Protein backbone atom coordinates (compact mmCIF):
# COMPACT_ATOMS: atom_id res chain seq x y z
CA UNK A 1 19.74 6.38 30.69
CA UNK A 2 19.64 3.50 33.05
CA UNK A 3 21.87 0.42 32.18
CA UNK A 4 19.61 -2.32 30.70
CA UNK A 5 19.40 -5.56 32.77
CA UNK A 6 21.93 -7.33 30.42
CA UNK A 7 24.92 -5.36 31.89
CA UNK A 8 26.57 -8.03 33.71
CA UNK A 9 30.07 -9.42 33.89
CA UNK A 10 30.57 -11.92 30.76
CA UNK A 11 31.66 -15.48 31.41
CA UNK A 12 35.25 -16.04 30.79
CA UNK A 13 36.56 -18.57 28.42
CA UNK A 14 39.94 -19.26 30.12
CA UNK A 15 41.23 -22.63 31.32
CA UNK A 16 39.80 -24.45 28.35
CA UNK A 17 43.23 -25.96 27.02
CA UNK A 18 42.38 -29.67 26.20
CA UNK A 19 44.64 -32.45 27.64
CA UNK A 20 46.99 -34.12 25.24
CA UNK A 21 45.96 -37.65 26.16
CA UNK A 22 42.18 -37.36 25.41
CA UNK A 23 40.83 -39.99 23.00
CA UNK A 24 39.76 -38.81 19.59
CA UNK A 25 36.01 -38.77 20.46
CA UNK A 26 36.33 -37.21 23.83
CA UNK A 27 38.76 -34.55 22.23
CA UNK A 28 36.09 -33.88 19.56
CA UNK A 29 33.44 -33.45 22.14
CA UNK A 30 35.64 -31.20 24.52
CA UNK A 31 36.62 -29.21 21.35
CA UNK A 32 32.91 -28.67 20.60
CA UNK A 33 32.24 -27.74 24.21
CA UNK A 34 35.20 -25.24 24.31
CA UNK A 35 33.85 -23.61 20.98
CA UNK A 36 30.56 -23.18 22.41
CA UNK A 37 31.91 -21.76 25.72
CA UNK A 38 34.16 -19.45 23.66
CA UNK A 39 31.40 -18.10 21.53
CA UNK A 40 29.03 -17.58 24.40
CA UNK A 41 31.81 -15.66 26.13
CA UNK A 42 32.33 -13.45 23.22
CA UNK A 43 28.72 -12.74 22.49
CA UNK A 44 28.20 -11.94 26.24
CA UNK A 45 31.13 -9.50 26.30
CA UNK A 46 30.06 -8.02 23.04
CA UNK A 47 26.54 -7.29 24.10
CA UNK A 48 27.99 -5.28 27.06
CA UNK A 49 30.54 -3.53 24.94
CA UNK A 50 28.21 -2.55 22.11
CA UNK A 51 25.62 -1.31 24.46
CA UNK A 52 27.94 0.53 26.77
CA UNK A 53 30.67 2.02 24.32
CA UNK A 54 28.60 1.88 21.00
CA UNK A 55 29.51 0.75 17.57
CA UNK A 56 32.46 3.18 16.96
CA UNK A 57 33.84 2.84 20.46
CA UNK A 58 34.02 -0.97 20.36
CA UNK A 59 36.91 -2.99 19.03
CA UNK A 60 37.12 -6.89 18.51
CA UNK A 61 40.33 -6.72 20.51
CA UNK A 62 38.61 -5.12 23.55
CA UNK A 63 35.78 -7.83 23.28
CA UNK A 64 38.31 -10.69 23.25
CA UNK A 65 40.15 -9.34 26.33
CA UNK A 66 36.77 -8.86 28.26
CA UNK A 67 35.73 -12.41 27.36
CA UNK A 68 39.16 -13.87 28.19
CA UNK A 69 39.60 -15.14 24.68
CA UNK A 70 42.65 -14.63 22.41
CA UNK A 71 42.37 -12.26 19.60
CA UNK A 72 42.93 -14.99 17.06
CA UNK A 73 40.26 -17.13 18.50
CA UNK A 74 37.74 -14.17 18.42
CA UNK A 75 38.44 -13.60 14.67
CA UNK A 76 37.90 -17.40 14.00
CA UNK A 77 34.52 -17.08 15.55
CA UNK A 78 33.59 -13.77 14.20
CA UNK A 79 35.83 -12.43 11.41
CA UNK A 80 34.11 -8.93 11.28
CA UNK A 81 32.61 -6.72 14.02
CA UNK A 82 29.60 -6.36 11.82
CA UNK A 83 28.83 -10.07 11.97
CA UNK A 84 29.48 -10.14 15.77
CA UNK A 85 27.03 -7.29 16.66
CA UNK A 86 24.46 -8.99 14.31
CA UNK A 87 24.87 -12.23 16.11
CA UNK A 88 24.27 -10.52 19.35
CA UNK A 89 21.21 -8.84 18.17
CA UNK A 90 19.85 -11.89 16.26
CA UNK A 91 18.59 -13.78 19.34
CA UNK A 92 16.93 -10.51 20.73
CA UNK A 93 15.11 -10.13 17.43
CA UNK A 94 14.19 -13.81 16.85
CA UNK A 95 10.90 -13.98 19.27
CA UNK A 96 9.51 -10.95 17.26
CA UNK A 97 9.79 -12.64 13.85
CA UNK A 98 8.15 -15.71 15.43
CA UNK A 99 5.04 -14.01 16.83
CA UNK A 100 3.39 -13.02 13.72
CA UNK A 101 3.63 -16.59 12.29
CA UNK A 102 1.85 -17.69 15.38
CA UNK A 103 -0.85 -15.12 14.80
CA UNK A 104 -1.23 -16.01 11.25
CA UNK A 105 -1.60 -19.68 12.08
CA UNK A 106 -4.30 -18.69 14.53
CA UNK A 107 -6.23 -17.15 11.82
CA UNK A 108 -5.61 -13.38 12.45
CA UNK A 109 -5.93 -11.00 9.32
CA UNK A 110 -2.89 -9.82 7.68
CA UNK A 111 -3.39 -6.18 8.37
CA UNK A 112 -3.99 -6.90 12.11
CA UNK A 113 -0.74 -8.85 12.40
CA UNK A 114 1.27 -6.34 10.48
CA UNK A 115 0.27 -3.62 12.90
CA UNK A 116 1.12 -5.70 15.84
CA UNK A 117 4.46 -6.58 14.43
CA UNK A 118 5.45 -2.99 13.73
CA UNK A 119 4.33 -2.10 17.36
CA UNK A 120 6.48 -4.99 18.72
CA UNK A 121 9.53 -3.92 16.49
CA UNK A 122 9.17 -0.37 17.93
CA UNK A 123 9.01 -1.68 21.46
CA UNK A 124 12.21 -3.86 20.99
CA UNK A 125 14.05 -0.89 19.39
CA UNK A 126 13.19 1.21 22.48
CA UNK A 127 13.82 -1.49 25.08
CA UNK A 128 17.23 -2.46 23.46
CA UNK A 129 17.98 1.04 22.40
CA UNK A 130 21.83 0.94 22.93
CA UNK A 131 22.20 -2.59 21.21
CA UNK A 132 19.91 -1.40 18.41
CA UNK A 133 21.83 1.80 17.85
CA UNK A 134 25.08 -0.34 17.45
CA UNK A 135 23.40 -2.89 15.11
CA UNK A 136 21.90 -0.21 12.86
CA UNK A 137 25.25 1.57 12.68
CA UNK A 138 26.70 -1.84 11.56
CA UNK A 139 24.03 -2.27 8.90
CA UNK A 140 24.53 1.28 7.55
CA UNK A 141 28.48 0.84 7.34
CA UNK A 142 28.15 -2.56 5.73
CA UNK A 143 25.56 -1.54 3.29
CA UNK A 144 27.62 1.44 2.27
CA UNK A 145 30.73 -0.94 1.93
CA UNK A 146 29.20 -3.47 -0.43
CA UNK A 147 27.02 -0.99 -2.18
CA UNK A 148 23.95 -3.17 -2.86
CA UNK A 149 21.29 -5.33 -1.25
CA UNK A 150 21.97 -8.27 1.20
CA UNK A 151 23.37 -11.53 -0.49
CA UNK A 152 21.94 -14.38 1.56
CA UNK A 153 25.40 -16.25 1.00
CA UNK A 154 27.13 -13.36 2.85
CA UNK A 155 27.52 -14.61 6.34
CA UNK A 156 29.17 -11.44 7.50
CA UNK A 157 26.18 -9.08 6.45
CA UNK A 158 24.40 -7.93 9.52
CA UNK A 159 21.10 -7.81 7.33
CA UNK A 160 21.48 -11.49 6.72
CA UNK A 161 22.21 -12.59 10.21
CA UNK A 162 19.51 -10.43 11.83
CA UNK A 163 16.85 -9.69 9.14
CA UNK A 164 14.79 -7.00 10.86
CA UNK A 165 12.83 -6.21 7.67
CA UNK A 166 12.06 -9.80 6.72
CA UNK A 167 8.57 -10.27 8.43
CA UNK A 168 7.37 -6.90 7.48
CA UNK A 169 8.17 -7.64 3.97
CA UNK A 170 6.50 -11.14 4.21
CA UNK A 171 3.35 -9.61 5.72
CA UNK A 172 3.00 -6.90 3.13
CA UNK A 173 3.79 -9.38 0.34
CA UNK A 174 1.08 -11.66 1.74
CA UNK A 175 -1.43 -8.91 2.01
CA UNK A 176 -0.80 -7.79 -1.58
CA UNK A 177 -1.33 -11.30 -2.80
CA UNK A 178 -4.67 -11.91 -1.06
CA UNK A 179 -6.16 -8.40 -1.88
CA UNK A 180 -5.80 -6.90 1.73
CA UNK A 181 -3.18 -4.36 0.35
CA UNK A 182 -2.74 -2.40 -2.83
CA UNK A 183 -0.18 -4.14 -5.10
CA UNK A 184 2.16 -1.16 -5.52
CA UNK A 185 4.72 -0.24 -4.26
CA UNK A 186 6.31 -3.77 -3.99
CA UNK A 187 6.51 -5.33 -0.78
CA UNK A 188 10.42 -5.01 -0.58
CA UNK A 189 10.49 -1.49 -1.27
CA UNK A 190 7.81 -0.25 0.88
CA UNK A 191 8.50 -2.50 3.73
CA UNK A 192 12.22 -2.12 3.66
CA UNK A 193 11.86 1.57 3.71
CA UNK A 194 9.55 1.49 6.51
CA UNK A 195 11.85 -0.59 8.86
CA UNK A 196 14.90 1.66 7.84
CA UNK A 197 12.98 4.65 9.09
CA UNK A 198 11.85 2.79 12.28
CA UNK A 199 15.51 1.92 13.10
CA UNK A 200 16.66 5.24 12.23
CA UNK A 201 14.09 6.92 14.63
CA UNK A 202 15.39 4.65 17.26
CA UNK A 203 18.48 6.96 17.85
CA UNK A 204 17.33 10.08 16.34
CA UNK A 205 14.16 10.60 18.39
CA UNK A 206 13.34 10.40 21.99
CA UNK A 207 9.87 9.21 21.54
CA UNK A 208 7.64 6.46 22.89
CA UNK A 209 7.57 3.18 20.91
CA UNK A 210 3.73 3.87 20.36
CA UNK A 211 4.74 7.35 18.85
CA UNK A 212 7.21 5.79 16.48
CA UNK A 213 4.91 2.95 15.53
CA UNK A 214 2.07 5.48 14.54
CA UNK A 215 4.32 7.21 12.23
CA UNK A 216 5.52 4.02 10.55
CA UNK A 217 1.82 2.44 10.53
CA UNK A 218 0.30 5.64 9.04
CA UNK A 219 2.88 5.60 6.20
CA UNK A 220 2.46 1.96 5.50
CA UNK A 221 -1.35 1.71 5.72
CA UNK A 222 -1.66 5.12 3.97
CA UNK A 223 0.06 3.75 1.02
CA UNK A 224 -1.08 0.16 0.99
CA UNK A 225 -4.69 0.58 2.56
CA UNK A 226 -5.47 4.17 2.38
CA UNK A 227 -9.18 3.52 3.30
CA UNK A 228 -7.92 2.97 6.89
CA UNK A 229 -6.91 6.69 7.13
CA UNK A 230 -9.83 8.09 5.03
CA UNK A 231 -12.21 6.28 7.28
CA UNK A 232 -11.20 8.26 10.27
CA UNK A 233 -11.51 11.54 8.56
CA UNK A 234 -9.21 14.32 7.55
CA UNK A 235 -7.62 14.87 10.84
CA UNK A 236 -8.17 11.21 11.96
CA UNK A 237 -5.06 9.16 13.40
CA UNK A 238 -6.32 5.60 13.47
CA UNK A 239 -2.86 4.29 14.80
CA UNK A 240 -2.55 6.73 17.69
CA UNK A 241 -2.27 5.02 20.99
CA UNK A 242 -5.48 5.06 22.78
CA UNK A 243 -4.42 3.71 26.05
CA UNK A 244 -7.45 1.58 26.23
CA UNK A 245 -8.73 -1.99 25.14
CA UNK A 246 -11.96 -0.63 23.47
CA UNK A 247 -10.18 1.12 20.54
CA UNK A 248 -12.09 0.43 17.14
CA UNK A 249 -10.47 -2.40 15.03
CA UNK A 250 -9.48 -0.46 12.05
CA UNK A 251 -7.14 -3.01 10.23
CA UNK A 252 -9.88 -5.49 9.27
């Protein structure tokens, strides 16, 4: 697999020691600048490391060395490897969480927005495959470690830092509330399982984003809006990629 475009040399945080004679306010500003520069260097180095050597092959000590940052400073910024990879993944995910809100504000129906969002997530998972695999591994390990759902107050939980399932849950809940979707199963259950499977397929299948999205959408709509499948007949595949712009609108 070709290296994605983010494979580049990370900025270094060396040479940031503050002069002893700085005034207090200048020292505070310089300290904030240094912390920001250190954080950016760590995130940049981590992105390269997680994508190139994977979750298990990456150590915080290696990231610190590549970033030109002390190990102690690295742990001050990111106490756990789980939190670090999630902080790398979060800004990649963020635009995908904003788009559904824009579509809803523009008056698009919830089923349509849900379909678009699942397809968008599938595209992200494929486009950022090495990083997504590292993030998914962190989520699985952390979930097994704490043995329960995410706690919003846990700032090391990758599920809290980069909530991949949050928008799918919100859209399903909204559709159930307004009658677009069947009320059962609960949004958190069905949406969470769907996103888990989508992430898992990201590193267990060599499929196109459209193929992965079709499986997840068929499961979601088959459960929440079964008429979408029934209307296409016994062998119908309403979420198969058509490759054209004139496909019927089956989510309204």
